[in-house]
Amino acid sequence: MAYNLKVLLDEVIKEYGYNKGYIKPNIRWSNFNRLYSFGEYRYWDNTIEISHFLNDKKINVETLKSVIYHEYLHQ
């Protein structure tokens, strides 16, 4: 793996703020390359799932953090 999603989620929360009143979501790579979306927030198990397609050093870390932030906002 190229990126540690838990570290990136912590950076996003530190930069943009914690969702008060909510439990910090779990975050993980999807088991397959989601080509129709880069990520998904699954409310039923409080998990952010990121497309394995983005787990590549060719992907800028800020791009990945923007996907994480977008999914975090769905919480």
N, C-alpha and C. Protein backbone atom coordinates (compact mmCIF):
# COMPACT_ATOMS: atom_id res chain seq x y z
N MET A 1 0.83 -1.19 0.00
CA MET A 1 0.00 0.00 0.00
C MET A 1 0.87 1.25 0.00
N ALA A 2 0.38 2.25 -0.64
CA ALA A 2 1.11 3.51 -0.74
C ALA A 2 0.70 4.50 0.35
N TYR A 3 -0.55 4.51 0.74
CA TYR A 3 -1.06 5.50 1.69
C TYR A 3 -1.70 4.84 2.91
N ASN A 4 -1.54 5.47 4.07
CA ASN A 4 -2.19 5.03 5.29
C ASN A 4 -3.44 5.88 5.48
N LEU A 5 -4.60 5.29 5.27
CA LEU A 5 -5.85 6.04 5.31
C LEU A 5 -6.17 6.59 6.70
N LYS A 6 -5.83 5.86 7.74
CA LYS A 6 -6.13 6.34 9.10
C LYS A 6 -5.35 7.61 9.41
N VAL A 7 -4.10 7.67 8.98
CA VAL A 7 -3.30 8.87 9.18
C VAL A 7 -3.88 10.03 8.39
N LEU A 8 -4.28 9.77 7.16
CA LEU A 8 -4.86 10.83 6.32
C LEU A 8 -6.19 11.32 6.89
N LEU A 9 -7.02 10.42 7.41
CA LEU A 9 -8.28 10.84 8.04
C LEU A 9 -8.00 11.72 9.24
N ASP A 10 -7.00 11.36 10.05
CA ASP A 10 -6.64 12.19 11.20
C ASP A 10 -6.17 13.58 10.75
N GLU A 11 -5.42 13.65 9.66
CA GLU A 11 -4.97 14.94 9.13
C GLU A 11 -6.16 15.78 8.66
N VAL A 12 -7.11 15.14 7.99
CA VAL A 12 -8.31 15.85 7.52
C VAL A 12 -9.10 16.40 8.71
N ILE A 13 -9.28 15.58 9.73
CA ILE A 13 -10.02 16.02 10.91
C ILE A 13 -9.29 17.16 11.62
N LYS A 14 -7.98 17.06 11.71
CA LYS A 14 -7.20 18.13 12.34
C LYS A 14 -7.31 19.43 11.56
N GLU A 15 -7.29 19.33 10.23
CA GLU A 15 -7.32 20.52 9.39
C GLU A 15 -8.70 21.16 9.32
N TYR A 16 -9.76 20.34 9.21
CA TYR A 16 -11.10 20.88 8.99
C TYR A 16 -12.02 20.81 10.19
N GLY A 17 -11.64 20.06 11.21
CA GLY A 17 -12.46 19.99 12.42
C GLY A 17 -13.17 18.65 12.56
N TYR A 18 -13.47 18.34 13.80
CA TYR A 18 -14.13 17.09 14.16
C TYR A 18 -15.64 17.28 14.12
N ASN A 19 -16.37 16.28 13.65
CA ASN A 19 -17.83 16.32 13.64
C ASN A 19 -18.32 16.07 15.07
N LYS A 20 -18.56 17.14 15.80
CA LYS A 20 -18.99 17.01 17.19
C LYS A 20 -20.30 16.26 17.27
N GLY A 21 -20.37 15.36 18.24
CA GLY A 21 -21.57 14.57 18.43
C GLY A 21 -21.58 13.27 17.62
N TYR A 22 -20.54 13.06 16.84
CA TYR A 22 -20.44 11.84 16.03
C TYR A 22 -19.21 11.04 16.44
N ILE A 23 -19.29 9.76 16.24
CA ILE A 23 -18.15 8.88 16.48
C ILE A 23 -17.26 8.92 15.24
N LYS A 24 -15.96 9.00 15.46
CA LYS A 24 -15.02 9.03 14.34
C LYS A 24 -15.24 7.79 13.47
N PRO A 25 -15.39 7.97 12.17
CA PRO A 25 -15.65 6.81 11.30
C PRO A 25 -14.41 5.94 11.11
N ASN A 26 -14.66 4.69 10.81
CA ASN A 26 -13.60 3.79 10.36
C ASN A 26 -13.29 4.16 8.92
N ILE A 27 -12.10 3.81 8.46
CA ILE A 27 -11.76 4.07 7.07
C ILE A 27 -10.96 2.89 6.55
N ARG A 28 -11.23 2.53 5.29
CA ARG A 28 -10.52 1.39 4.71
C ARG A 28 -10.52 1.49 3.19
N TRP A 29 -9.63 0.73 2.60
CA TRP A 29 -9.61 0.60 1.14
C TRP A 29 -10.70 -0.37 0.72
N SER A 30 -11.31 -0.14 -0.43
CA SER A 30 -12.27 -1.10 -0.96
C SER A 30 -11.53 -2.35 -1.41
N ASN A 31 -12.25 -3.43 -1.53
CA ASN A 31 -11.64 -4.70 -1.95
C ASN A 31 -11.47 -4.78 -3.46
N PHE A 32 -11.92 -3.75 -4.16
CA PHE A 32 -11.84 -3.74 -5.63
C PHE A 32 -11.67 -2.29 -6.08
N ASN A 33 -11.37 -2.10 -7.33
CA ASN A 33 -11.23 -0.75 -7.88
C ASN A 33 -12.61 -0.20 -8.24
N ARG A 34 -13.08 0.74 -7.43
CA ARG A 34 -14.35 1.41 -7.72
C ARG A 34 -14.08 2.41 -8.82
N LEU A 35 -14.55 2.17 -9.99
CA LEU A 35 -14.32 3.08 -11.09
C LEU A 35 -15.47 4.06 -11.26
N TYR A 36 -16.61 3.78 -10.66
CA TYR A 36 -17.78 4.65 -10.77
C TYR A 36 -17.81 5.70 -9.66
N SER A 37 -17.02 5.52 -8.61
CA SER A 37 -16.90 6.53 -7.55
C SER A 37 -15.57 6.33 -6.85
N PHE A 38 -15.05 7.40 -6.29
CA PHE A 38 -13.76 7.31 -5.61
C PHE A 38 -13.89 6.89 -4.16
N GLY A 39 -15.08 7.05 -3.60
CA GLY A 39 -15.28 6.69 -2.21
C GLY A 39 -16.75 6.58 -1.87
N GLU A 40 -17.00 6.10 -0.66
CA GLU A 40 -18.38 5.92 -0.20
C GLU A 40 -18.38 6.01 1.32
N TYR A 41 -19.37 6.71 1.87
CA TYR A 41 -19.60 6.67 3.31
C TYR A 41 -20.73 5.70 3.56
N ARG A 42 -20.45 4.67 4.37
CA ARG A 42 -21.47 3.67 4.69
C ARG A 42 -21.99 3.96 6.09
N TYR A 43 -23.18 4.55 6.14
CA TYR A 43 -23.76 4.98 7.41
C TYR A 43 -24.08 3.81 8.33
N TRP A 44 -24.42 2.65 7.78
CA TRP A 44 -24.85 1.52 8.61
C TRP A 44 -23.71 0.96 9.46
N ASP A 45 -22.46 1.15 9.06
CA ASP A 45 -21.35 0.70 9.91
C ASP A 45 -20.32 1.81 10.14
N ASN A 46 -20.71 3.07 9.84
CA ASN A 46 -19.87 4.25 10.08
C ASN A 46 -18.47 4.06 9.49
N THR A 47 -18.43 3.71 8.22
CA THR A 47 -17.17 3.44 7.54
C THR A 47 -17.05 4.24 6.26
N ILE A 48 -15.87 4.82 6.07
CA ILE A 48 -15.52 5.43 4.80
C ILE A 48 -14.72 4.41 4.02
N GLU A 49 -15.17 4.11 2.82
CA GLU A 49 -14.48 3.15 1.97
C GLU A 49 -13.94 3.90 0.75
N ILE A 50 -12.65 3.80 0.52
CA ILE A 50 -11.98 4.50 -0.56
C ILE A 50 -11.58 3.51 -1.64
N SER A 51 -11.78 3.90 -2.90
CA SER A 51 -11.44 3.04 -4.03
C SER A 51 -9.97 2.66 -4.00
N HIS A 52 -9.71 1.39 -4.15
CA HIS A 52 -8.33 0.89 -4.18
C HIS A 52 -7.57 1.48 -5.36
N PHE A 53 -8.28 1.96 -6.34
CA PHE A 53 -7.70 2.62 -7.51
C PHE A 53 -6.83 3.82 -7.11
N LEU A 54 -7.17 4.47 -6.00
CA LEU A 54 -6.45 5.66 -5.54
C LEU A 54 -5.23 5.33 -4.70
N ASN A 55 -5.00 4.07 -4.42
CA ASN A 55 -3.87 3.66 -3.60
C ASN A 55 -2.61 3.52 -4.47
N ASP A 56 -2.15 4.66 -4.94
CA ASP A 56 -1.02 4.68 -5.87
C ASP A 56 -0.27 5.99 -5.67
N LYS A 57 1.03 5.93 -5.61
CA LYS A 57 1.85 7.13 -5.41
C LYS A 57 1.68 8.14 -6.55
N LYS A 58 1.12 7.71 -7.68
CA LYS A 58 0.85 8.64 -8.78
C LYS A 58 -0.30 9.59 -8.43
N ILE A 59 -1.10 9.20 -7.44
CA ILE A 59 -2.22 10.03 -6.98
C ILE A 59 -1.69 10.98 -5.92
N ASN A 60 -1.89 12.26 -6.12
CA ASN A 60 -1.46 13.28 -5.18
C ASN A 60 -2.18 13.10 -3.84
N VAL A 61 -1.44 13.24 -2.75
CA VAL A 61 -2.02 13.05 -1.42
C VAL A 61 -3.16 14.04 -1.16
N GLU A 62 -3.07 15.25 -1.69
CA GLU A 62 -4.14 16.22 -1.49
C GLU A 62 -5.42 15.80 -2.22
N THR A 63 -5.27 15.15 -3.33
CA THR A 63 -6.43 14.61 -4.05
C THR A 63 -7.12 13.56 -3.20
N LEU A 64 -6.34 12.67 -2.65
CA LEU A 64 -6.89 11.61 -1.80
C LEU A 64 -7.55 12.20 -0.55
N LYS A 65 -6.92 13.19 0.06
CA LYS A 65 -7.50 13.83 1.24
C LYS A 65 -8.81 14.54 0.90
N SER A 66 -8.93 15.07 -0.30
CA SER A 66 -10.19 15.72 -0.67
C SER A 66 -11.32 14.70 -0.80
N VAL A 67 -11.01 13.51 -1.28
CA VAL A 67 -12.01 12.43 -1.35
C VAL A 67 -12.41 12.01 0.06
N ILE A 68 -11.43 11.87 0.93
CA ILE A 68 -11.71 11.49 2.32
C ILE A 68 -12.59 12.56 2.98
N TYR A 69 -12.25 13.82 2.78
CA TYR A 69 -13.04 14.92 3.37
C TYR A 69 -14.47 14.90 2.84
N HIS A 70 -14.61 14.71 1.55
CA HIS A 70 -15.95 14.66 0.95
C HIS A 70 -16.78 13.56 1.60
N GLU A 71 -16.21 12.38 1.75
CA GLU A 71 -16.95 11.27 2.36
C GLU A 71 -17.21 11.52 3.84
N TYR A 72 -16.26 12.16 4.50
CA TYR A 72 -16.42 12.51 5.92
C TYR A 72 -17.61 13.44 6.13
N LEU A 73 -17.85 14.34 5.17
CA LEU A 73 -18.96 15.26 5.28
C LEU A 73 -20.32 14.54 5.20
N HIS A 74 -20.37 13.37 4.61
CA HIS A 74 -21.63 12.62 4.54
C HIS A 74 -22.08 12.12 5.91
N GLN A 75 -21.14 12.05 6.83
CA GLN A 75 -21.48 11.58 8.16
C GLN A 75 -22.50 12.51 8.79
